[in-house]
C-alpha cells in the first residue's frame, strides 16, 4: 500500500507524495514540492506538482534524501485535497 510521506532532499527541496519502498529508495506517486512563501498573514506553505512532465511514477533514490517523516494532519489533508481523493482526516480529541 502507498503511504504519504514528506522528504527533505540534499539539494534543500522538500517533497510530499504517496510512496512505496522499492530497492534503492521510494516509488513516488503524485509527488508535490512544498514551497514556503510569504503571504499577507505571514509565512505560508504551497504545494506545486513535482516533475509534472514525467510519464509514470518517479523513483526517489535514498542517496538523495536527508530526512523523511509522516506529514502532520494539516499537510496531509491539503495534499489529499489537491492531489488525492479529497477525503480529509479529522483528528480525534481525547478528553
Protein backbone atom coordinates (compact mmCIF):
# COMPACT_ATOMS: atom_id res chain seq x y z
CA UNK A 1 0.00 0.00 0.00
CA UNK A 2 1.08 3.59 -0.67
CA UNK A 3 1.83 5.78 2.37
CA UNK A 4 2.03 9.59 2.34
CA UNK A 5 5.49 10.83 3.38
CA UNK A 6 7.41 14.10 3.39
CA UNK A 7 11.08 14.27 2.38
CA UNK A 8 13.90 16.80 2.73
CA UNK A 9 16.35 16.31 -0.13
CA UNK A 10 20.10 17.00 -0.22
CA UNK A 11 19.50 19.98 -2.54
CA UNK A 12 17.13 21.58 0.00
CA UNK A 13 13.87 20.75 -1.77
CA UNK A 14 11.01 19.34 0.27
CA UNK A 15 8.51 16.89 -1.23
CA UNK A 16 5.28 15.21 -0.23
CA UNK A 17 3.98 12.13 -2.06
CA UNK A 18 2.23 8.81 -1.87
CA UNK A 19 5.13 6.37 -1.52
CA UNK A 20 6.10 2.75 -1.63
CA UNK A 21 9.53 1.41 -0.63
CA UNK A 22 11.49 -0.07 -3.55
CA UNK A 23 15.03 -1.43 -3.83
CA UNK A 24 17.04 1.82 -3.92
CA UNK A 25 14.57 4.22 -2.31
CA UNK A 26 10.93 5.09 -2.87
CA UNK A 27 8.44 4.96 -5.70
CA UNK A 28 6.55 8.29 -5.68
CA UNK A 29 3.01 8.75 -6.93
CA UNK A 30 1.58 12.29 -7.33
CA UNK A 31 4.65 14.00 -5.84
CA UNK A 32 4.46 17.69 -4.93
CA UNK A 33 7.11 20.21 -3.98
CA UNK A 34 6.47 22.00 -0.69
CA UNK A 35 7.06 25.72 -1.24
CA UNK A 36 7.38 28.21 1.62
CA UNK A 37 6.01 31.62 0.63
CA UNK A 38 5.30 34.99 2.16
CA UNK A 39 1.60 35.83 2.48
CA UNK A 40 -0.35 38.77 3.86
CA UNK A 41 -0.79 36.79 7.10
CA UNK A 42 2.89 35.81 7.38
CA UNK A 43 4.63 32.71 6.08
CA UNK A 44 2.55 30.08 4.31
CA UNK A 45 3.02 26.77 2.55
CA UNK A 46 2.01 25.94 -1.01
CA UNK A 47 2.16 22.68 -2.97
CA UNK A 48 3.32 22.55 -6.59
CA UNK A 49 3.43 19.49 -8.87
CA UNK A 50 6.90 17.90 -8.88
CA UNK A 51 8.07 16.69 -12.31
CA UNK A 52 4.58 17.04 -13.86
CA UNK A 53 6.01 16.10 -17.26
CA UNK A 54 7.03 12.58 -16.14
CA UNK A 55 5.10 9.73 -17.79
CA UNK A 56 4.89 7.48 -14.77
CA UNK A 57 5.72 7.09 -11.13
CA UNK A 58 9.04 8.61 -10.06
CA UNK A 59 11.84 6.82 -8.22
CA UNK A 60 13.38 8.85 -5.40
CA UNK A 61 16.75 7.36 -4.55
CA UNK A 62 17.64 7.06 -0.87
CA UNK A 63 21.01 8.69 -1.59
CA UNK A 64 19.17 11.99 -2.37
CA UNK A 65 17.26 12.08 0.95
CA UNK A 66 18.43 13.94 4.05
CA UNK A 67 15.37 13.09 6.15
CA UNK A 68 11.85 11.74 5.89
CA UNK A 69 8.73 11.69 8.06
CA UNK A 70 4.99 11.38 8.02
CA UNK A 71 3.26 14.72 7.38
CA UNK A 72 1.27 16.49 10.06
CA UNK A 73 -2.50 16.23 9.70
CA UNK A 74 -2.97 19.68 8.12
CA UNK A 75 -0.33 18.99 5.43
CA UNK A 76 -1.70 15.52 4.69
CA UNK A 77 -5.23 16.93 4.34
CA UNK A 78 -4.09 19.69 2.00
CA UNK A 79 -2.15 17.20 -0.13
CA UNK A 80 -5.18 14.86 -0.27
CA UNK A 81 -7.45 17.77 -1.19
CA UNK A 82 -5.25 18.80 -4.13
CA UNK A 83 -3.70 15.56 -5.38
CA UNK A 84 -5.75 12.76 -3.88
CA UNK A 85 -9.26 11.70 -3.11
CA UNK A 86 -10.17 14.94 -1.37
CA UNK A 87 -11.00 12.97 1.76
CA UNK A 88 -9.76 14.76 4.87
CA UNK A 89 -8.94 13.12 8.18
CA UNK A 90 -10.22 14.73 11.37
CA UNK A 91 -8.01 14.42 14.42
CA UNK A 92 -9.62 12.76 17.40
CA UNK A 93 -9.79 14.77 20.58
CA UNK A 94 -9.21 12.82 23.77
CA UNK A 95 -10.58 14.41 26.96
